[in-house]
Protein backbone atom coordinates (compact mmCIF):
# COMPACT_ATOMS: atom_id res chain seq x y z
CA MET A 1 -12.76 11.27 -0.82
CA LYS A 2 -13.91 11.21 2.78
CA PRO A 3 -11.34 11.99 5.44
CA SER A 4 -10.00 8.84 7.02
CA SER A 5 -9.75 10.24 10.54
CA LYS A 6 -12.76 11.16 12.62
CA ILE A 7 -13.61 14.76 13.47
CA HIS A 8 -15.45 15.11 16.76
CA VAL A 9 -17.77 18.12 16.72
CA TYR A 10 -19.44 19.35 19.89
CA PRO A 11 -21.90 22.21 20.36
CA CYS A 12 -19.03 24.64 20.84
CA LEU A 13 -17.27 23.15 17.79
CA SER A 14 -13.98 23.24 19.67
CA VAL A 15 -12.25 20.03 18.60
CA VAL A 16 -10.94 19.81 15.06
CA LEU A 17 -8.33 17.67 13.33
CA PHE A 18 -4.72 18.70 13.84
CA PHE A 19 -3.62 16.51 10.95
CA THR A 20 -5.53 14.34 8.51
CA THR A 21 -2.98 11.57 8.04
CA SER A 22 -4.42 8.06 8.38
CA LEU A 23 -3.10 5.53 10.86
CA VAL A 24 -3.75 2.64 8.51
CA PHE A 25 -1.22 1.83 5.80
CA SER A 26 -2.53 1.70 2.26
CA ALA A 27 -3.38 -1.88 1.42
CA GLU A 28 -1.50 -2.37 -1.82
CA PRO A 29 -0.99 -5.94 -3.07
CA LEU A 30 1.90 -7.49 -1.20
CA PRO A 31 4.85 -8.14 -3.51
CA LEU A 32 5.48 -11.81 -4.12
CA SER A 33 7.89 -13.07 -1.51
CA THR A 34 11.32 -14.16 -2.70
CA SER A 35 10.41 -17.44 -1.01
CA TYR A 36 7.72 -18.05 -3.62
CA TRP A 37 10.23 -18.45 -6.45
CA LYS A 38 11.91 -21.20 -4.37
CA ASP A 39 8.68 -22.83 -3.29
CA PRO A 40 8.46 -26.54 -4.23
CA ALA A 41 5.07 -25.97 -5.89
CA PHE A 42 6.48 -23.28 -8.19
CA LEU A 43 9.67 -25.21 -8.99
CA LYS A 44 7.68 -28.33 -9.82
CA ALA A 45 5.45 -26.40 -12.22
CA PHE A 46 8.32 -24.47 -13.82
CA ASN A 47 10.62 -27.46 -14.26
CA GLY A 48 7.71 -29.39 -15.71
CA SER A 49 7.57 -26.81 -18.47
CA TYR A 50 10.67 -28.36 -20.04
CA ARG A 51 8.57 -31.41 -20.96
CA ILE A 52 7.00 -31.55 -24.41
CA GLU A 53 3.20 -31.83 -24.61
CA ALA A 54 2.39 -32.75 -28.19
CA ARG A 55 -1.28 -31.69 -28.13
CA ILE A 56 -0.52 -28.03 -27.52
CA GLU A 57 3.15 -27.88 -28.51
CA PRO A 58 5.04 -27.05 -31.69
CA SER A 59 6.36 -30.22 -33.28
CA VAL A 60 10.08 -31.00 -33.15
CA SER A 61 12.18 -32.75 -35.74
CA THR A 62 14.41 -35.70 -34.97
CA GLU A 63 17.42 -33.39 -35.12
CA GLU A 64 15.83 -30.89 -32.74
CA ARG A 65 14.83 -33.68 -30.35
CA GLY A 66 18.43 -34.88 -30.30
CA LEU A 67 19.61 -31.40 -29.33
CA LEU A 68 16.99 -31.23 -26.57
CA ILE A 69 18.17 -34.56 -25.18
CA GLN A 70 21.75 -33.25 -25.07
CA VAL A 71 20.58 -30.08 -23.33
CA GLN A 72 18.55 -32.08 -20.81
CA GLY A 73 21.62 -34.22 -20.09
CA LEU A 74 23.68 -31.11 -19.32
CA MET A 75 20.93 -29.77 -17.10
CA ALA A 76 20.66 -33.06 -15.25
CA ALA A 77 24.39 -32.78 -14.58
CA GLY A 78 23.81 -29.30 -13.16
CA ASP A 79 25.66 -27.53 -15.98
CA ARG A 80 23.10 -24.96 -17.08
CA ALA A 81 25.77 -22.65 -18.48
CA ALA A 82 26.82 -25.34 -20.95
CA ALA A 83 23.19 -26.07 -21.78
CA LEU A 84 22.62 -22.38 -22.47
CA GLU A 85 25.70 -22.19 -24.66
CA LYS A 86 24.66 -25.25 -26.67
CA LEU A 87 21.22 -23.83 -27.41
CA GLN A 88 22.53 -20.36 -28.23
CA SER A 89 25.18 -21.65 -30.60
CA SER A 90 22.95 -24.10 -32.48
CA PRO A 91 21.58 -22.92 -35.88
CA LEU A 92 18.46 -24.97 -35.14
CA THR A 93 17.33 -22.77 -32.25
CA GLY A 94 16.34 -19.71 -34.27
CA LYS A 95 14.09 -21.86 -36.50
CA SER A 96 12.37 -23.85 -33.73
CA PRO A 97 9.76 -22.44 -31.30
CA ALA A 98 10.40 -25.41 -28.99
CA LEU A 99 14.15 -24.77 -28.81
CA THR A 100 13.61 -21.01 -28.47
CA PHE A 101 11.24 -21.71 -25.59
CA ASN A 102 13.83 -23.87 -23.80
CA LEU A 103 16.42 -21.16 -24.37
CA ALA A 104 14.02 -18.69 -22.73
CA ASN A 105 13.63 -21.03 -19.76
CA LEU A 106 17.38 -21.13 -19.26
CA PHE A 107 17.58 -17.33 -19.44
CA PHE A 108 14.79 -17.23 -16.83
CA GLU A 109 16.69 -19.55 -14.51
CA THR A 110 19.90 -17.53 -14.82
CA GLY A 111 18.02 -14.31 -14.05
CA GLU A 112 18.35 -12.74 -17.52
CA MET A 113 14.69 -11.70 -17.66
CA GLY A 114 15.03 -9.34 -20.61
CA LYS A 115 16.47 -12.09 -22.80
CA ALA A 116 13.94 -14.60 -21.44
CA ILE A 117 11.02 -12.32 -22.35
CA GLU A 118 12.42 -11.72 -25.83
CA SER A 119 12.86 -15.47 -26.41
CA TYR A 120 9.38 -16.36 -25.14
CA GLN A 121 7.93 -13.69 -27.42
CA SER A 122 9.87 -15.13 -30.36
CA ALA A 123 8.53 -18.62 -29.65
CA LEU A 124 4.97 -17.28 -29.49
CA LYS A 125 5.40 -15.34 -32.72
CA ASP A 126 6.17 -18.62 -34.50
CA TYR A 127 3.58 -20.64 -32.56
CA PRO A 128 0.83 -18.40 -31.06
CA SER A 129 -1.00 -21.22 -29.23
CA PHE A 130 2.12 -22.36 -27.35
CA ARG A 131 0.52 -22.68 -23.91
CA ARG A 132 3.66 -23.04 -21.80
CA ALA A 133 5.29 -20.10 -23.56
CA HIS A 134 2.30 -17.92 -22.60
CA ARG A 135 2.53 -19.06 -18.99
CA ASN A 136 6.29 -18.69 -18.65
CA LEU A 137 6.28 -15.32 -20.39
CA ALA A 138 3.74 -14.21 -17.78
CA LEU A 139 6.06 -15.51 -15.05
CA ALA A 140 8.91 -13.44 -16.45
CA TYR A 141 6.72 -10.33 -16.61
CA VAL A 142 5.68 -10.84 -12.98
CA ARG A 143 9.32 -11.16 -11.96
CA GLU A 144 9.89 -7.81 -13.67
CA LYS A 145 6.81 -6.32 -11.93
CA LYS A 146 5.09 -5.80 -15.29
CA LEU A 147 1.73 -7.11 -14.17
CA SER A 148 -0.39 -5.54 -16.90
CA GLU A 149 1.77 -7.30 -19.51
CA ALA A 150 1.55 -10.61 -17.62
CA LEU A 151 -2.24 -10.68 -17.32
CA PRO A 152 -3.23 -11.44 -20.96
CA HIS A 153 -0.70 -14.27 -21.18
CA LEU A 154 -2.01 -15.84 -17.97
CA THR A 155 -5.59 -15.73 -19.23
CA GLU A 156 -4.52 -17.13 -22.61
CA ALA A 157 -2.63 -19.99 -20.94
CA ILE A 158 -5.76 -20.86 -18.94
CA ARG A 159 -7.91 -20.63 -22.07
CA LEU A 160 -5.54 -23.13 -23.69
CA GLY A 161 -6.04 -25.55 -20.80
CA ASP A 162 -3.46 -24.62 -18.15
CA SER A 163 -4.74 -25.58 -14.68
CA GLU A 164 -1.56 -25.15 -12.62
CA GLY A 165 -2.03 -23.56 -9.21
CA SER A 166 0.77 -21.09 -9.93
CA THR A 167 -1.01 -19.85 -13.06
CA TYR A 168 -4.25 -19.20 -11.20
CA GLY A 169 -2.36 -17.72 -8.24
CA LEU A 170 -0.48 -15.24 -10.39
CA LEU A 171 -3.73 -14.42 -12.19
CA GLY A 172 -5.18 -13.55 -8.77
CA TYR A 173 -2.11 -11.46 -7.99
CA CYS A 174 -2.49 -9.45 -11.21
CA ARG A 175 -6.24 -9.00 -10.65
CA LEU A 176 -5.60 -7.82 -7.09
CA ALA A 177 -3.16 -5.21 -8.39
CA ARG A 178 -5.99 -3.92 -10.62
CA GLU A 179 -8.31 -3.78 -7.57
CA GLU A 180 -10.56 -6.44 -9.12
CA TYR A 181 -11.07 -8.08 -5.76
CA ALA A 182 -13.89 -10.52 -6.54
CA SER A 183 -12.11 -11.85 -9.65
CA ALA A 184 -8.82 -12.04 -7.76
CA LEU A 185 -10.46 -13.98 -4.94
CA GLN A 186 -11.88 -16.52 -7.39
CA ALA A 187 -8.48 -17.01 -9.02
CA TYR A 188 -6.66 -17.38 -5.70
CA ARG A 189 -9.15 -19.99 -4.53
CA LEU A 190 -8.70 -21.97 -7.72
CA ALA A 191 -4.93 -21.81 -7.10
CA GLN A 192 -5.48 -23.33 -3.66
CA VAL A 193 -7.16 -26.40 -5.16
CA THR A 194 -3.79 -27.77 -6.31
CA GLU A 195 -1.48 -25.64 -4.13
CA PRO A 196 -3.29 -25.38 -0.77
CA ASP A 197 -0.20 -24.60 1.29
CA VAL A 198 1.34 -21.75 -0.73
CA ALA A 199 1.46 -18.79 1.66
CA GLU A 200 1.21 -16.19 -1.12
CA TRP A 201 -2.20 -17.47 -2.22
CA LYS A 202 -3.53 -17.41 1.36
CA ALA A 203 -2.24 -13.86 1.82
CA GLY A 204 -3.83 -12.86 -1.48
CA ILE A 205 -7.16 -14.29 -0.38
CA ALA A 206 -6.84 -12.33 2.87
CA GLN A 207 -6.26 -9.08 0.99
CA CYS A 208 -9.28 -9.73 -1.21
CA LEU A 209 -11.45 -10.54 1.82
CA GLN A 210 -10.26 -7.33 3.46
CA HIS A 211 -11.51 -5.28 0.53
CA LEU A 212 -14.70 -7.32 0.24
CA ASP A 213 -15.60 -6.52 3.86
CA SER A 214 -14.83 -9.96 5.29
CA LYS A 215 -12.08 -8.65 7.53
CA THR A 216 -12.50 -11.09 10.41
CA GLU A 217 -12.04 -14.04 8.06
CA ALA A 218 -9.06 -12.29 6.47
CA ALA A 219 -7.34 -11.80 9.83
CA ALA A 220 -7.92 -15.45 10.79
CA LEU A 221 -6.45 -16.66 7.50
CA LEU A 222 -3.36 -14.54 8.04
CA ASP A 223 -2.76 -16.38 11.32
CA GLU A 224 -2.00 -19.45 9.18
CA VAL A 225 0.30 -17.48 6.89
CA ILE A 226 2.23 -15.96 9.78
CA ARG A 227 2.74 -19.40 11.31
CA GLN A 228 4.16 -20.54 7.96
CA ARG A 229 6.33 -17.45 7.43
CA PRO A 230 7.10 -15.96 10.86
CA THR A 231 10.23 -14.21 9.55
CA GLU A 232 8.44 -12.25 6.79
CA ALA A 233 7.06 -9.13 8.43
CA SER A 234 4.84 -8.04 5.53
CA TYR A 235 2.16 -10.53 6.54
CA ALA A 236 2.06 -9.21 10.10
CA VAL A 237 1.81 -5.64 8.79
CA LEU A 238 -1.10 -6.65 6.57
CA GLN A 239 -2.85 -8.33 9.50
CA ALA A 240 -2.24 -5.30 11.71
CA ASN A 241 -3.90 -3.06 9.13
CA ILE A 242 -6.89 -5.39 9.00
CA TYR A 243 -7.18 -5.26 12.78
CA LEU A 244 -7.11 -1.47 12.57
CA ASP A 245 -9.93 -1.64 10.01
CA LEU A 246 -11.80 -3.72 12.61
CA ASP A 247 -11.05 -1.07 15.26
CA GLN A 248 -8.91 -3.50 17.25
CA PRO A 249 -5.72 -1.50 17.91
CA GLU A 250 -4.49 -3.81 20.68
CA ALA A 251 -4.69 -6.82 18.37
CA ALA A 252 -2.78 -4.80 15.75
CA ALA A 253 -0.06 -3.95 18.26
CA LYS A 254 0.22 -7.58 19.37
CA THR A 255 0.61 -8.70 15.75
CA LEU A 256 3.46 -6.25 15.13
CA GLU A 257 5.28 -7.12 18.36
CA LEU A 258 6.65 -10.46 17.08
CA PRO A 259 8.42 -9.12 13.97
CA TYR A 260 9.57 -6.12 16.02
CA ARG A 261 11.18 -8.39 18.62
CA LEU A 262 12.71 -10.50 15.84
CA GLY A 263 14.29 -7.33 14.46
CA ILE A 264 12.63 -7.65 11.04
CA LEU A 265 10.01 -4.90 11.25
CA ALA A 266 10.68 -2.11 8.76
CA PRO A 267 11.09 1.45 10.11
CA ASP A 268 7.68 2.61 8.79
CA ALA A 269 5.89 -0.32 10.42
CA SER A 270 7.87 0.26 13.60
CA LEU A 271 6.50 3.81 13.76
CA LEU A 272 3.01 2.35 13.29
CA LEU A 273 3.68 0.17 16.35
CA ALA A 274 4.97 3.22 18.22
CA ASP A 275 1.78 5.06 17.27
CA LEU A 276 -0.33 2.24 18.71
CA HIS A 277 1.70 2.25 21.94
CA LEU A 278 1.30 6.03 22.21
CA ARG A 279 -2.47 5.82 21.77
CA ALA A 280 -2.57 3.23 24.56
CA ASP A 281 -0.50 5.47 26.88
CA ARG A 282 2.51 3.14 26.81
CA LYS A 283 5.03 5.98 26.64
CA PRO A 284 8.21 4.00 27.51
CA ALA A 285 7.39 1.39 24.84
CA THR A 286 6.68 4.21 22.38
CA GLU A 287 10.08 5.77 22.93
CA THR A 288 11.89 2.43 22.67
CA VAL A 289 10.26 1.56 19.35
CA ILE A 290 10.89 5.05 17.94
CA GLN A 291 14.57 4.77 18.85
CA SER A 292 14.68 1.40 17.08
CA ALA A 293 13.00 2.81 13.96
CA PHE A 294 15.68 5.50 13.59
CA SER A 295 18.63 3.33 14.67
CA ASP A 296 19.94 2.53 11.19
CA PRO A 297 20.95 5.66 9.22
CA LYS A 298 20.68 3.68 5.97
CA THR A 299 17.00 2.76 6.45
CA GLN A 300 15.16 5.71 7.91
CA PRO A 301 11.35 5.88 8.11
CA LEU A 302 9.56 7.65 5.28
CA ILE A 303 8.15 11.11 5.87
CA GLY A 304 4.58 9.80 5.76
CA ALA A 305 5.21 7.45 8.68
CA ILE A 306 6.85 10.24 10.69
CA LEU A 307 3.94 12.60 9.99
CA ARG A 308 1.44 9.97 11.09
CA LEU A 309 3.13 9.70 14.48
CA ILE A 310 3.50 13.48 14.73
CA SER A 311 -0.26 13.71 14.20
CA THR A 312 -0.98 11.40 17.13
CA ALA A 313 1.55 13.12 19.39
CA SER A 314 0.10 16.53 18.48
CA SER A 315 -3.45 15.42 19.23
CA ARG A 316 -2.20 14.53 22.72
CA SER A 317 -0.23 17.79 23.07
CA ASP A 318 2.94 15.76 23.53
CA TRP A 319 5.10 18.59 22.26
CA PRO A 320 8.47 17.16 23.37
CA LEU A 321 7.78 14.08 21.26
CA VAL A 322 6.67 16.16 18.28
CA LYS A 323 9.83 18.26 18.52
CA SER A 324 11.96 15.13 18.77
CA LEU A 325 10.33 13.62 15.67
CA LEU A 326 10.79 16.81 13.69
CA GLU A 327 14.46 16.80 14.64
CA LYS A 328 14.82 13.12 13.69
CA ALA A 329 13.34 13.89 10.27
CA GLY A 330 16.48 15.95 9.77
CA GLU A 331 17.00 18.05 6.67
CA ALA A 332 14.28 16.43 4.58
CA ASP A 333 12.86 19.23 2.43
CA SER A 334 9.28 18.06 2.57
CA ARG A 335 6.39 20.48 2.28
CA PRO A 336 4.17 18.38 4.62
CA LEU A 337 7.02 18.32 7.13
CA ARG A 338 7.39 22.11 7.01
CA LEU A 339 3.64 22.40 7.51
CA ALA A 340 3.87 20.10 10.53
CA LYS A 341 6.68 22.23 11.93
CA ALA A 342 4.65 25.43 11.49
CA ARG A 343 1.66 23.89 13.24
CA TYR A 344 3.90 22.71 16.06
CA LEU A 345 5.50 26.13 16.57
CA ILE A 346 2.05 27.71 16.89
CA ALA A 347 0.19 25.03 18.86
CA SER A 348 3.02 24.44 21.34
CA GLU A 349 3.49 28.21 21.72
CA GLU A 350 7.21 27.72 21.22
CA ASP A 351 7.39 30.37 18.49
CA PRO A 352 3.98 31.33 17.05
CA THR A 353 5.44 34.21 15.06
CA SER A 354 7.88 31.96 13.17
CA GLY A 355 5.14 29.39 12.70
CA ALA A 356 2.81 31.99 11.20
CA GLU A 357 5.55 33.24 8.87
CA LEU A 358 6.20 29.72 7.69
CA LEU A 359 2.48 29.15 7.04
CA LYS A 360 2.26 32.41 5.11
CA LYS A 361 5.22 31.34 3.00
CA LEU A 362 3.66 27.93 2.30
CA THR A 363 0.35 29.47 1.21
CA THR A 364 2.19 31.89 -1.07
CA GLN A 365 4.25 29.13 -2.66
CA ASP A 366 1.14 27.03 -3.33
CA PRO A 367 -2.13 28.96 -3.07
CA THR A 368 -4.10 25.73 -3.66
CA ASP A 369 -2.72 23.73 -0.70
CA GLY A 370 -5.85 23.25 1.41
CA GLN A 371 -4.08 22.02 4.54
CA ALA A 372 -1.71 25.01 4.63
CA LEU A 373 -4.62 27.39 3.99
CA ILE A 374 -6.63 25.85 6.84
CA ALA A 375 -3.68 26.02 9.23
CA TYR A 376 -3.07 29.68 8.40
CA GLY A 377 -6.79 30.50 8.59
CA LYS A 378 -7.03 28.91 12.04
CA HIS A 379 -4.04 30.91 13.19
CA LEU A 380 -5.59 34.15 11.91
CA ALA A 381 -8.87 33.32 13.64
CA GLY A 382 -7.01 32.69 16.87
CA THR A 383 -5.27 36.04 16.65
CA SER A 384 -8.48 38.07 16.20
CA GLN A 385 -8.32 38.41 12.42
CA PRO A 386 -11.67 36.79 11.49
CA ASP A 387 -12.07 38.45 8.08
CA ASN A 388 -8.67 37.31 6.86
CA ALA A 389 -9.24 33.90 8.42
CA GLU A 390 -12.49 33.50 6.48
CA LEU A 391 -10.72 34.38 3.24
CA PHE A 392 -8.12 31.63 3.68
CA LEU A 393 -10.67 29.05 4.81
CA GLU A 394 -12.89 29.79 1.83
CA ARG A 395 -9.90 29.24 -0.45
CA ALA A 396 -9.23 25.92 1.27
CA THR A 397 -12.70 24.65 0.36
CA ALA A 398 -11.57 24.53 -3.29
CA ASP A 399 -9.11 21.72 -2.43
CA PRO A 400 -11.11 18.45 -2.56
CA ALA A 401 -8.77 16.76 -0.10
CA ALA A 402 -9.26 19.55 2.47
CA ALA A 403 -12.80 20.74 1.73
CA TYR A 404 -14.51 18.84 4.55
CA GLU A 405 -12.20 20.16 7.26
CA ALA A 406 -12.30 23.66 5.72
CA HIS A 407 -16.10 23.80 5.99
CA ILE A 408 -15.91 22.59 9.61
CA GLU A 409 -13.44 25.36 10.41
CA LEU A 410 -15.62 27.92 8.64
CA ALA A 411 -18.57 26.81 10.75
CA ARG A 412 -16.45 27.16 13.87
CA LEU A 413 -15.43 30.68 12.84
CA HIS A 414 -19.03 31.67 12.10
CA VAL A 415 -20.24 30.37 15.47
CA SER A 416 -17.57 32.44 17.23
CA GLN A 417 -19.09 35.49 15.50
CA SER A 418 -22.70 34.42 16.28
CA ARG A 419 -23.33 33.98 12.54
CA TYR A 420 -25.39 30.85 13.07
CA GLY A 421 -27.07 30.90 9.65
CA ASP A 422 -23.72 30.95 7.86
CA ALA A 423 -22.42 28.26 10.22
CA LEU A 424 -25.41 26.09 9.34
CA LYS A 425 -24.66 26.44 5.63
CA SER A 426 -21.05 25.36 6.20
CA ILE A 427 -22.19 22.35 8.24
CA ASP A 428 -24.67 21.33 5.53
CA THR A 429 -21.88 21.42 2.96
CA ALA A 430 -19.66 19.34 5.25
CA LEU A 431 -22.51 16.85 5.74
CA ALA A 432 -22.83 16.44 1.98
CA LEU A 433 -19.14 15.50 1.88
CA ASN A 434 -19.15 13.21 4.95
CA PRO A 435 -22.53 12.57 6.62
CA THR A 436 -21.51 11.47 10.14
CA ASP A 437 -23.87 11.04 13.09
CA GLU A 438 -21.79 13.43 15.19
CA LEU A 439 -22.10 16.16 12.60
CA ARG A 440 -25.86 15.59 12.30
CA THR A 441 -26.18 15.92 16.08
CA TYR A 442 -24.23 19.16 16.00
CA ARG A 443 -26.37 20.48 13.15
CA ALA A 444 -29.53 19.86 15.17
CA ALA A 445 -28.07 21.78 18.15
CA LEU A 446 -26.98 24.59 15.85
CA GLN A 447 -30.44 24.79 14.31
CA GLN A 448 -31.96 25.16 17.78
CA THR A 449 -29.50 27.93 18.58
CA LEU A 450 -30.37 29.72 15.34
CA SER A 451 -34.11 29.43 16.01
CA ALA A 452 -33.70 30.77 19.54
CA SER A 453 -31.70 33.75 18.31
CA GLU A 454 -34.29 34.85 15.75
């Protein structure tokens, strides 16, 4: 995998990554909003599933139909508990796929998803082509976040003739979770034919467009979603990440400002906003947002979000901020956090000896940790121990996640020793991993230096 942050290499090879954490959040499928399950489009489709459709339904006897009429009367009166009790207690239910299906629906409505799934499965066992049972079973699986189980029942419902927007929308949602972006996009767009105003389908389309390299269109579509759901911060976070993909950090910051001011931005996203302020030299705004992110002891930012901001602060040599963030992280026993602390102690010159000891301990505990090996190798190189430094950097090249940076650091070490041929080999290996224009330019300069020295 290519590093997500840029490494700027100049003829002296003096600027190298301090951290390799990415500013952009991973773009996982957004969870379905709780609003979706209350959306009129969903409720209309789900409540419609109580109706019998003879062409694709199990038949019901006169006695069973009478029971269904009684149950529907109780439901119309708002007494779902009594309706549930009547179905559960009737000896007819266990013998009738139609009654079992209605029992499953009532379990679904009362939030008993395990029982609902079991009842839908029972109805399908007795009547495998029961279209509504396939669809509603898929709905129950989605509610339980079992998307791989939901997918075959959604496709089977569609094969049997289901054309509801919610069915296609949830099919898109499941496809998106499997990173099948083109298929997900097609399903979401079919969902929009009958449910054009459902925010979840628009957001799903935006996520697909983001991955299919239509980011500008994705960001524009999210404007509509945010206007519909201004109090749901996840859409703003998604749009901010798209703007970052488009290299528009100011647009990303502006997008996050509204949920931040509304007090609904999660701590991790708040630190992303702080990061954007810091990069734009808005230090007071940075400090205010950081304070807000750590204000609730029950919902503290995750270590990854803290490390991302530490990375930016370190690249700007803002050591007071780095120290403050390390202190705010508290007693979290995180290996990446200990690595960040070691780097800070050395780079800030607060306590290089302790930092070096911590790095040595980290490399002993896990001899395969490329980032720790690189950090220790750089420290050894900076303290006139080039042979030992080379050993640690060579070991770091075995870690796929750190190999690119390790080869860059090896090249830097070789140049400092006037070993231009070895440096060139390290740069060529780095180019094979991540062929950037900057690195090609440096290689050309290095080749000239090598030729002149021969």
